[in-house]
Amino acid sequence: MNDEFSFNLWRYDGTPGELIPLLQSAQNHFGYIPRRAINYVSAVTGIPESEVYGVITFYSQFRLQPMGKYVVRACNGTACHVSGAEMIIETVQDELGVEVGGTTEDGLFTLNTVACIGCCSLAPVIMINEDTHGSLTPASVRKIIRRYRRNERASNKKMAAGR
């Protein structure tokens, strides 16, 4: 078996209901489900690629594109919504140049919305990976994102100088 696709396919015994665990394993292995994994899972299971793709797109847990290094989760819960979440989300989209669900071309940021982050007293709120940023304005959101970009460039320069 191709080592690239060793993600628990050895456990597949033809039992119905194995598709989702196989897809979860592929996503854990690659960080998303690439086209070549869909082809391989289809070939091994005998499930048509169109059905495999249908399952992937039906469940929001699955991704067909790699996630960015920094995942921006913009809260769109009630408290955030009434506090201007729409404007915050639009600002993030503008600053990153992506729509919700998209990843920047440099692979640095992925933007998602969530129903609630649980920091209602700080509305509107975004999380970038595990860091929570609240009481946001469009200007503060731009500053936060630009700071992440600056820090990333500085980190890359340090790594390049250390080689």
N, C-alpha and C. Protein backbone atom coordinates (compact mmCIF):
# COMPACT_ATOMS: atom_id res chain seq x y z
N MET A 1 0.85 -1.18 0.00
CA MET A 1 0.00 0.00 0.00
C MET A 1 0.89 1.25 0.00
N ASN A 2 0.51 2.23 -0.76
CA ASN A 2 1.23 3.50 -0.84
C ASN A 2 1.26 4.13 0.54
N ASP A 3 2.48 4.45 1.06
CA ASP A 3 2.62 5.03 2.40
C ASP A 3 1.85 6.33 2.56
N GLU A 4 1.76 7.09 1.46
CA GLU A 4 1.04 8.36 1.52
C GLU A 4 -0.40 8.13 1.95
N PHE A 5 -0.95 6.99 1.62
CA PHE A 5 -2.34 6.70 1.92
C PHE A 5 -2.50 5.60 2.96
N SER A 6 -1.60 5.56 3.91
CA SER A 6 -1.68 4.53 4.94
C SER A 6 -2.62 4.93 6.06
N PHE A 7 -3.33 6.05 5.92
CA PHE A 7 -4.20 6.57 6.96
C PHE A 7 -5.36 5.63 7.26
N ASN A 8 -5.09 4.61 8.03
CA ASN A 8 -6.09 3.68 8.54
C ASN A 8 -6.87 2.92 7.47
N LEU A 9 -6.43 2.95 6.22
CA LEU A 9 -7.13 2.14 5.23
C LEU A 9 -6.92 0.67 5.49
N TRP A 10 -5.85 0.34 6.19
CA TRP A 10 -5.60 -1.06 6.52
C TRP A 10 -6.72 -1.60 7.41
N ARG A 11 -7.45 -0.72 8.08
CA ARG A 11 -8.55 -1.14 8.93
C ARG A 11 -9.84 -1.39 8.15
N TYR A 12 -9.90 -0.92 6.92
CA TYR A 12 -11.13 -1.03 6.14
C TYR A 12 -11.37 -2.49 5.77
N ASP A 13 -12.52 -2.98 6.18
CA ASP A 13 -12.84 -4.39 5.89
C ASP A 13 -14.11 -4.54 5.06
N GLY A 14 -14.55 -3.45 4.45
CA GLY A 14 -15.73 -3.51 3.60
C GLY A 14 -17.03 -3.32 4.34
N THR A 15 -16.96 -3.04 5.63
CA THR A 15 -18.17 -2.84 6.43
C THR A 15 -18.85 -1.54 6.04
N PRO A 16 -20.18 -1.59 5.80
CA PRO A 16 -20.89 -0.34 5.52
C PRO A 16 -20.70 0.65 6.69
N GLY A 17 -20.66 1.92 6.38
CA GLY A 17 -20.51 2.92 7.42
C GLY A 17 -19.07 3.29 7.71
N GLU A 18 -18.12 2.75 6.96
CA GLU A 18 -16.70 3.03 7.18
C GLU A 18 -16.23 4.29 6.47
N LEU A 19 -17.04 4.85 5.58
CA LEU A 19 -16.59 5.99 4.78
C LEU A 19 -16.22 7.20 5.64
N ILE A 20 -17.07 7.57 6.57
CA ILE A 20 -16.79 8.75 7.39
C ILE A 20 -15.52 8.57 8.23
N PRO A 21 -15.33 7.44 8.91
CA PRO A 21 -14.06 7.26 9.63
C PRO A 21 -12.83 7.30 8.70
N LEU A 22 -12.96 6.77 7.48
CA LEU A 22 -11.84 6.84 6.54
C LEU A 22 -11.55 8.28 6.13
N LEU A 23 -12.62 9.05 5.90
CA LEU A 23 -12.43 10.45 5.52
C LEU A 23 -11.85 11.25 6.69
N GLN A 24 -12.30 10.96 7.90
CA GLN A 24 -11.73 11.62 9.08
C GLN A 24 -10.25 11.30 9.20
N SER A 25 -9.89 10.06 8.96
CA SER A 25 -8.50 9.65 9.03
C SER A 25 -7.67 10.35 7.96
N ALA A 26 -8.21 10.45 6.75
CA ALA A 26 -7.50 11.14 5.66
C ALA A 26 -7.29 12.61 6.03
N GLN A 27 -8.33 13.24 6.56
CA GLN A 27 -8.20 14.64 6.94
C GLN A 27 -7.20 14.83 8.07
N ASN A 28 -7.19 13.92 9.03
CA ASN A 28 -6.21 14.00 10.10
C ASN A 28 -4.79 13.86 9.55
N HIS A 29 -4.64 13.01 8.56
CA HIS A 29 -3.33 12.75 7.96
C HIS A 29 -2.82 13.94 7.15
N PHE A 30 -3.69 14.50 6.29
CA PHE A 30 -3.28 15.57 5.38
C PHE A 30 -3.60 16.97 5.89
N GLY A 31 -4.53 17.08 6.84
CA GLY A 31 -5.00 18.39 7.28
C GLY A 31 -6.21 18.86 6.49
N TYR A 32 -6.54 18.15 5.46
CA TYR A 32 -7.71 18.35 4.60
C TYR A 32 -7.83 17.09 3.76
N ILE A 33 -8.80 17.03 2.87
CA ILE A 33 -8.95 15.83 2.04
C ILE A 33 -8.61 16.19 0.60
N PRO A 34 -7.39 15.85 0.17
CA PRO A 34 -6.99 16.18 -1.20
C PRO A 34 -7.68 15.26 -2.21
N ARG A 35 -7.71 15.70 -3.45
CA ARG A 35 -8.35 14.96 -4.54
C ARG A 35 -7.79 13.55 -4.64
N ARG A 36 -6.50 13.41 -4.48
CA ARG A 36 -5.89 12.08 -4.61
C ARG A 36 -6.38 11.13 -3.51
N ALA A 37 -6.71 11.66 -2.34
CA ALA A 37 -7.25 10.82 -1.26
C ALA A 37 -8.67 10.38 -1.60
N ILE A 38 -9.44 11.27 -2.21
CA ILE A 38 -10.81 10.91 -2.63
C ILE A 38 -10.73 9.78 -3.64
N ASN A 39 -9.83 9.91 -4.61
CA ASN A 39 -9.67 8.86 -5.63
C ASN A 39 -9.30 7.53 -4.98
N TYR A 40 -8.37 7.59 -4.04
CA TYR A 40 -7.89 6.38 -3.40
C TYR A 40 -8.97 5.72 -2.54
N VAL A 41 -9.67 6.52 -1.74
CA VAL A 41 -10.75 5.98 -0.90
C VAL A 41 -11.82 5.36 -1.78
N SER A 42 -12.14 6.01 -2.88
CA SER A 42 -13.13 5.48 -3.81
C SER A 42 -12.69 4.13 -4.37
N ALA A 43 -11.44 4.05 -4.78
CA ALA A 43 -10.93 2.80 -5.36
C ALA A 43 -10.92 1.67 -4.33
N VAL A 44 -10.52 1.97 -3.11
CA VAL A 44 -10.42 0.94 -2.07
C VAL A 44 -11.81 0.47 -1.61
N THR A 45 -12.74 1.42 -1.48
CA THR A 45 -14.06 1.07 -0.94
C THR A 45 -15.06 0.66 -2.01
N GLY A 46 -14.80 1.05 -3.26
CA GLY A 46 -15.76 0.77 -4.32
C GLY A 46 -16.91 1.78 -4.34
N ILE A 47 -16.81 2.81 -3.52
CA ILE A 47 -17.83 3.86 -3.49
C ILE A 47 -17.46 4.87 -4.57
N PRO A 48 -18.39 5.22 -5.46
CA PRO A 48 -18.06 6.18 -6.52
C PRO A 48 -17.53 7.51 -5.95
N GLU A 49 -16.57 8.10 -6.67
CA GLU A 49 -15.99 9.36 -6.24
C GLU A 49 -17.05 10.42 -5.99
N SER A 50 -18.09 10.45 -6.81
CA SER A 50 -19.14 11.46 -6.65
C SER A 50 -19.84 11.30 -5.30
N GLU A 51 -20.02 10.07 -4.84
CA GLU A 51 -20.65 9.85 -3.53
C GLU A 51 -19.69 10.24 -2.39
N VAL A 52 -18.42 9.92 -2.56
CA VAL A 52 -17.42 10.30 -1.55
C VAL A 52 -17.40 11.82 -1.45
N TYR A 53 -17.35 12.50 -2.59
CA TYR A 53 -17.34 13.96 -2.62
C TYR A 53 -18.63 14.52 -1.99
N GLY A 54 -19.75 13.88 -2.26
CA GLY A 54 -21.03 14.30 -1.68
C GLY A 54 -21.03 14.24 -0.17
N VAL A 55 -20.43 13.20 0.39
CA VAL A 55 -20.34 13.09 1.85
C VAL A 55 -19.43 14.18 2.40
N ILE A 56 -18.30 14.42 1.73
CA ILE A 56 -17.36 15.45 2.19
C ILE A 56 -18.03 16.81 2.21
N THR A 57 -18.75 17.14 1.16
CA THR A 57 -19.37 18.48 1.09
C THR A 57 -20.61 18.59 1.97
N PHE A 58 -21.22 17.47 2.34
CA PHE A 58 -22.40 17.52 3.21
C PHE A 58 -22.01 17.86 4.65
N TYR A 59 -20.92 17.28 5.12
CA TYR A 59 -20.50 17.47 6.52
C TYR A 59 -19.50 18.62 6.63
N SER A 60 -19.83 19.59 7.48
CA SER A 60 -18.98 20.78 7.61
C SER A 60 -17.63 20.48 8.27
N GLN A 61 -17.48 19.33 8.88
CA GLN A 61 -16.20 18.99 9.51
C GLN A 61 -15.11 18.72 8.48
N PHE A 62 -15.50 18.40 7.25
CA PHE A 62 -14.52 18.05 6.23
C PHE A 62 -14.11 19.27 5.42
N ARG A 63 -12.83 19.29 5.02
CA ARG A 63 -12.28 20.38 4.24
C ARG A 63 -11.64 19.83 2.97
N LEU A 64 -11.86 20.54 1.87
CA LEU A 64 -11.24 20.15 0.61
C LEU A 64 -10.00 20.99 0.30
N GLN A 65 -9.74 21.98 1.12
CA GLN A 65 -8.58 22.84 0.96
C GLN A 65 -7.81 22.87 2.28
N PRO A 66 -6.50 23.04 2.21
CA PRO A 66 -5.74 23.14 3.46
C PRO A 66 -6.14 24.38 4.24
N MET A 67 -6.07 24.30 5.54
CA MET A 67 -6.35 25.45 6.40
C MET A 67 -5.10 26.31 6.48
N GLY A 68 -5.31 27.60 6.72
CA GLY A 68 -4.18 28.50 6.90
C GLY A 68 -3.48 28.25 8.22
N LYS A 69 -2.32 28.80 8.36
CA LYS A 69 -1.57 28.69 9.61
C LYS A 69 -2.37 29.33 10.75
N TYR A 70 -3.06 30.41 10.42
CA TYR A 70 -3.89 31.11 11.40
C TYR A 70 -5.35 31.00 10.96
N VAL A 71 -6.16 30.37 11.79
CA VAL A 71 -7.59 30.23 11.49
C VAL A 71 -8.32 31.32 12.25
N VAL A 72 -8.96 32.21 11.49
CA VAL A 72 -9.73 33.31 12.06
C VAL A 72 -11.17 32.83 12.16
N ARG A 73 -11.69 32.81 13.38
CA ARG A 73 -13.08 32.43 13.62
C ARG A 73 -13.81 33.70 14.06
N ALA A 74 -14.68 34.17 13.20
CA ALA A 74 -15.44 35.37 13.51
C ALA A 74 -16.79 34.96 14.08
N CYS A 75 -17.09 35.44 15.28
CA CYS A 75 -18.35 35.09 15.92
C CYS A 75 -19.50 35.83 15.26
N ASN A 76 -20.56 35.09 15.01
CA ASN A 76 -21.77 35.69 14.44
C ASN A 76 -22.97 35.34 15.31
N GLY A 77 -22.71 35.10 16.61
CA GLY A 77 -23.79 34.82 17.55
C GLY A 77 -24.60 36.08 17.80
N THR A 78 -25.64 35.94 18.58
CA THR A 78 -26.57 37.05 18.80
C THR A 78 -25.89 38.30 19.34
N ALA A 79 -25.12 38.16 20.41
CA ALA A 79 -24.48 39.34 21.01
C ALA A 79 -23.52 40.00 20.02
N CYS A 80 -22.76 39.20 19.31
CA CYS A 80 -21.83 39.76 18.33
C CYS A 80 -22.58 40.36 17.15
N HIS A 81 -23.63 39.67 16.73
CA HIS A 81 -24.42 40.16 15.59
C HIS A 81 -24.97 41.56 15.87
N VAL A 82 -25.57 41.74 17.05
CA VAL A 82 -26.14 43.06 17.36
C VAL A 82 -25.06 44.10 17.67
N SER A 83 -23.84 43.65 17.90
CA SER A 83 -22.73 44.57 18.20
C SER A 83 -21.87 44.87 16.97
N GLY A 84 -22.30 44.42 15.81
CA GLY A 84 -21.58 44.76 14.59
C GLY A 84 -20.74 43.67 13.97
N ALA A 85 -21.06 42.41 14.23
CA ALA A 85 -20.28 41.30 13.67
C ALA A 85 -20.21 41.35 12.15
N GLU A 86 -21.29 41.75 11.51
CA GLU A 86 -21.32 41.81 10.05
C GLU A 86 -20.20 42.72 9.53
N MET A 87 -20.05 43.88 10.14
CA MET A 87 -19.00 44.81 9.72
C MET A 87 -17.61 44.25 10.01
N ILE A 88 -17.48 43.55 11.14
CA ILE A 88 -16.20 42.95 11.48
C ILE A 88 -15.84 41.87 10.47
N ILE A 89 -16.79 41.03 10.13
CA ILE A 89 -16.56 39.96 9.14
C ILE A 89 -16.19 40.57 7.79
N GLU A 90 -16.91 41.61 7.37
CA GLU A 90 -16.59 42.28 6.10
C GLU A 90 -15.19 42.88 6.14
N THR A 91 -14.79 43.42 7.27
CA THR A 91 -13.45 44.01 7.41
C THR A 91 -12.38 42.92 7.29
N VAL A 92 -12.61 41.79 7.95
CA VAL A 92 -11.64 40.68 7.86
C VAL A 92 -11.56 40.20 6.41
N GLN A 93 -12.71 40.06 5.76
CA GLN A 93 -12.71 39.63 4.36
C GLN A 93 -11.90 40.60 3.50
N ASP A 94 -12.13 41.87 3.71
CA ASP A 94 -11.42 42.90 2.94
C ASP A 94 -9.93 42.86 3.23
N GLU A 95 -9.57 42.78 4.49
CA GLU A 95 -8.15 42.79 4.88
C GLU A 95 -7.41 41.56 4.35
N LEU A 96 -8.08 40.41 4.38
CA LEU A 96 -7.43 39.17 3.94
C LEU A 96 -7.60 38.91 2.44
N GLY A 97 -8.62 39.51 1.85
CA GLY A 97 -8.89 39.25 0.43
C GLY A 97 -9.50 37.89 0.18
N VAL A 98 -10.27 37.38 1.15
CA VAL A 98 -10.95 36.09 1.00
C VAL A 98 -12.38 36.20 1.50
N GLU A 99 -13.20 35.29 1.05
CA GLU A 99 -14.56 35.17 1.55
C GLU A 99 -14.56 34.21 2.74
N VAL A 100 -15.66 34.16 3.46
CA VAL A 100 -15.79 33.20 4.56
C VAL A 100 -15.59 31.79 3.99
N GLY A 101 -14.77 31.01 4.67
CA GLY A 101 -14.44 29.66 4.21
C GLY A 101 -13.19 29.61 3.36
N GLY A 102 -12.66 30.78 3.00
CA GLY A 102 -11.50 30.84 2.14
C GLY A 102 -10.18 30.93 2.90
N THR A 103 -9.12 30.63 2.17
CA THR A 103 -7.76 30.71 2.70
C THR A 103 -6.96 31.65 1.81
N THR A 104 -6.15 32.49 2.43
CA THR A 104 -5.35 33.44 1.66
C THR A 104 -4.37 32.69 0.76
N GLU A 105 -3.99 33.35 -0.34
CA GLU A 105 -3.09 32.71 -1.31
C GLU A 105 -1.77 32.29 -0.69
N ASP A 106 -1.31 33.04 0.31
CA ASP A 106 -0.05 32.69 0.95
C ASP A 106 -0.19 31.57 1.98
N GLY A 107 -1.43 31.09 2.17
CA GLY A 107 -1.67 29.99 3.11
C GLY A 107 -1.58 30.40 4.56
N LEU A 108 -1.58 31.69 4.83
CA LEU A 108 -1.40 32.17 6.19
C LEU A 108 -2.70 32.20 6.99
N PHE A 109 -3.81 32.61 6.35
CA PHE A 109 -5.07 32.79 7.07
C PHE A 109 -6.22 32.03 6.41
N THR A 110 -7.08 31.46 7.24
CA THR A 110 -8.36 30.91 6.80
C THR A 110 -9.42 31.62 7.61
N LEU A 111 -10.50 32.05 6.95
CA LEU A 111 -11.59 32.76 7.62
C LEU A 111 -12.82 31.88 7.71
N ASN A 112 -13.33 31.71 8.92
CA ASN A 112 -14.58 30.99 9.15
C ASN A 112 -15.46 31.82 10.07
N THR A 113 -16.75 31.57 10.03
CA THR A 113 -17.64 32.16 11.02
C THR A 113 -18.13 31.04 11.93
N VAL A 114 -18.45 31.39 13.16
CA VAL A 114 -18.97 30.42 14.12
C VAL A 114 -20.22 31.00 14.76
N ALA A 115 -21.06 30.12 15.28
CA ALA A 115 -22.33 30.55 15.88
C ALA A 115 -22.11 31.28 17.20
N CYS A 116 -21.12 30.87 17.98
CA CYS A 116 -20.85 31.55 19.24
C CYS A 116 -19.47 31.13 19.75
N ILE A 117 -18.70 32.10 20.17
CA ILE A 117 -17.38 31.82 20.76
C ILE A 117 -17.50 31.69 22.27
N GLY A 118 -18.53 32.32 22.85
CA GLY A 118 -18.75 32.23 24.29
C GLY A 118 -18.15 33.39 25.06
N CYS A 119 -17.89 34.48 24.38
CA CYS A 119 -17.33 35.68 25.02
C CYS A 119 -18.28 36.86 24.77
N CYS A 120 -19.54 36.65 25.04
CA CYS A 120 -20.56 37.63 24.68
C CYS A 120 -20.31 39.02 25.26
N SER A 121 -19.71 39.08 26.44
CA SER A 121 -19.46 40.39 27.05
C SER A 121 -18.38 41.17 26.31
N LEU A 122 -17.64 40.49 25.42
CA LEU A 122 -16.59 41.14 24.63
C LEU A 122 -17.01 41.40 23.19
N ALA A 123 -18.29 41.22 22.88
CA ALA A 123 -18.78 41.32 21.50
C ALA A 123 -18.47 42.69 20.91
N PRO A 124 -18.16 42.68 19.60
CA PRO A 124 -17.93 41.55 18.70
C PRO A 124 -16.54 40.95 18.89
N VAL A 125 -16.44 39.65 18.59
CA VAL A 125 -15.25 38.87 18.91
C VAL A 125 -14.78 38.06 17.71
N ILE A 126 -13.46 37.92 17.60
CA ILE A 126 -12.86 36.93 16.71
C ILE A 126 -11.84 36.14 17.52
N MET A 127 -11.58 34.94 17.05
CA MET A 127 -10.47 34.14 17.58
C MET A 127 -9.52 33.90 16.42
N ILE A 128 -8.24 34.02 16.71
CA ILE A 128 -7.22 33.64 15.74
C ILE A 128 -6.44 32.53 16.42
N ASN A 129 -6.63 31.32 15.89
CA ASN A 129 -6.18 30.10 16.55
C ASN A 129 -6.75 30.09 17.96
N GLU A 130 -5.95 30.15 18.99
CA GLU A 130 -6.47 30.10 20.36
C GLU A 130 -6.55 31.47 21.03
N ASP A 131 -6.19 32.53 20.31
CA ASP A 131 -6.21 33.88 20.88
C ASP A 131 -7.53 34.57 20.61
N THR A 132 -8.16 35.08 21.66
CA THR A 132 -9.45 35.77 21.54
C THR A 132 -9.21 37.27 21.51
N HIS A 133 -9.90 37.93 20.60
CA HIS A 133 -9.82 39.39 20.46
C HIS A 133 -11.24 39.93 20.50
N GLY A 134 -11.53 40.81 21.47
CA GLY A 134 -12.88 41.29 21.63
C GLY A 134 -13.00 42.80 21.61
N SER A 135 -14.25 43.25 21.73
CA SER A 135 -14.60 44.67 21.68
C SER A 135 -14.02 45.31 20.41
N LEU A 136 -14.22 44.64 19.31
CA LEU A 136 -13.56 45.00 18.06
C LEU A 136 -14.25 46.13 17.31
N THR A 137 -13.41 46.84 16.57
CA THR A 137 -13.86 47.82 15.58
C THR A 137 -13.18 47.44 14.28
N PRO A 138 -13.64 47.96 13.15
CA PRO A 138 -12.92 47.66 11.91
C PRO A 138 -11.43 48.02 12.00
N ALA A 139 -11.12 49.17 12.61
CA ALA A 139 -9.71 49.58 12.73
C ALA A 139 -8.91 48.61 13.59
N SER A 140 -9.47 48.15 14.69
CA SER A 140 -8.73 47.23 15.56
C SER A 140 -8.52 45.87 14.89
N VAL A 141 -9.50 45.44 14.11
CA VAL A 141 -9.37 44.17 13.39
C VAL A 141 -8.22 44.27 12.39
N ARG A 142 -8.16 45.36 11.65
CA ARG A 142 -7.08 45.55 10.67
C ARG A 142 -5.72 45.54 11.38
N LYS A 143 -5.63 46.20 12.52
CA LYS A 143 -4.36 46.23 13.27
C LYS A 143 -3.96 44.83 13.71
N ILE A 144 -4.92 44.07 14.20
CA ILE A 144 -4.63 42.71 14.68
C ILE A 144 -4.10 41.85 13.54
N ILE A 145 -4.78 41.86 12.41
CA ILE A 145 -4.37 41.03 11.27
C ILE A 145 -3.00 41.47 10.76
N ARG A 146 -2.80 42.77 10.68
CA ARG A 146 -1.50 43.27 10.21
C ARG A 146 -0.38 42.89 11.18
N ARG A 147 -0.69 42.87 12.47
CA ARG A 147 0.32 42.46 13.46
C ARG A 147 0.71 40.99 13.24
N TYR A 148 -0.28 40.13 12.98
CA TYR A 148 0.02 38.72 12.70
C TYR A 148 0.91 38.61 11.46
N ARG A 149 0.60 39.38 10.44
CA ARG A 149 1.42 39.35 9.21
C ARG A 149 2.85 39.82 9.49
N ARG A 150 3.00 40.93 10.23
CA ARG A 150 4.33 41.45 10.58
C ARG A 150 5.13 40.42 11.37
N ASN A 151 4.47 39.82 12.37
CA ASN A 151 5.14 38.81 13.18
C ASN A 151 5.58 37.61 12.35
N GLU A 152 4.76 37.24 11.38
CA GLU A 152 5.09 36.12 10.51
C GLU A 152 6.29 36.47 9.63
N ARG A 153 6.30 37.67 9.08
CA ARG A 153 7.45 38.10 8.26
C ARG A 153 8.72 38.14 9.09
N ALA A 154 8.64 38.66 10.31
CA ALA A 154 9.81 38.73 11.20
C ALA A 154 10.30 37.32 11.53
N SER A 155 9.39 36.42 11.78
CA SER A 155 9.75 35.04 12.09
C SER A 155 10.43 34.38 10.89
N ASN A 156 9.91 34.63 9.69
CA ASN A 156 10.50 34.07 8.48
C ASN A 156 11.90 34.62 8.25
N LYS A 157 12.10 35.91 8.52
CA LYS A 157 13.43 36.52 8.36
C LYS A 157 14.42 35.90 9.33
N LYS A 158 13.98 35.68 10.58
CA LYS A 158 14.86 35.06 11.59
C LYS A 158 15.25 33.66 11.14
N MET A 159 14.27 32.90 10.65
CA MET A 159 14.56 31.54 10.22
C MET A 159 15.52 31.55 9.02
N ALA A 160 15.32 32.48 8.10
CA ALA A 160 16.18 32.54 6.91
C ALA A 160 17.60 32.95 7.31
N ALA A 161 17.73 33.84 8.29
CA ALA A 161 19.05 34.29 8.73
C ALA A 161 19.78 33.20 9.51
N GLY A 162 19.01 32.32 10.16
CA GLY A 162 19.61 31.26 10.97
C GLY A 162 20.09 30.07 10.18
N ARG A 163 19.82 30.02 8.91
CA ARG A 163 20.21 28.86 8.10
C ARG A 163 21.64 28.90 7.71
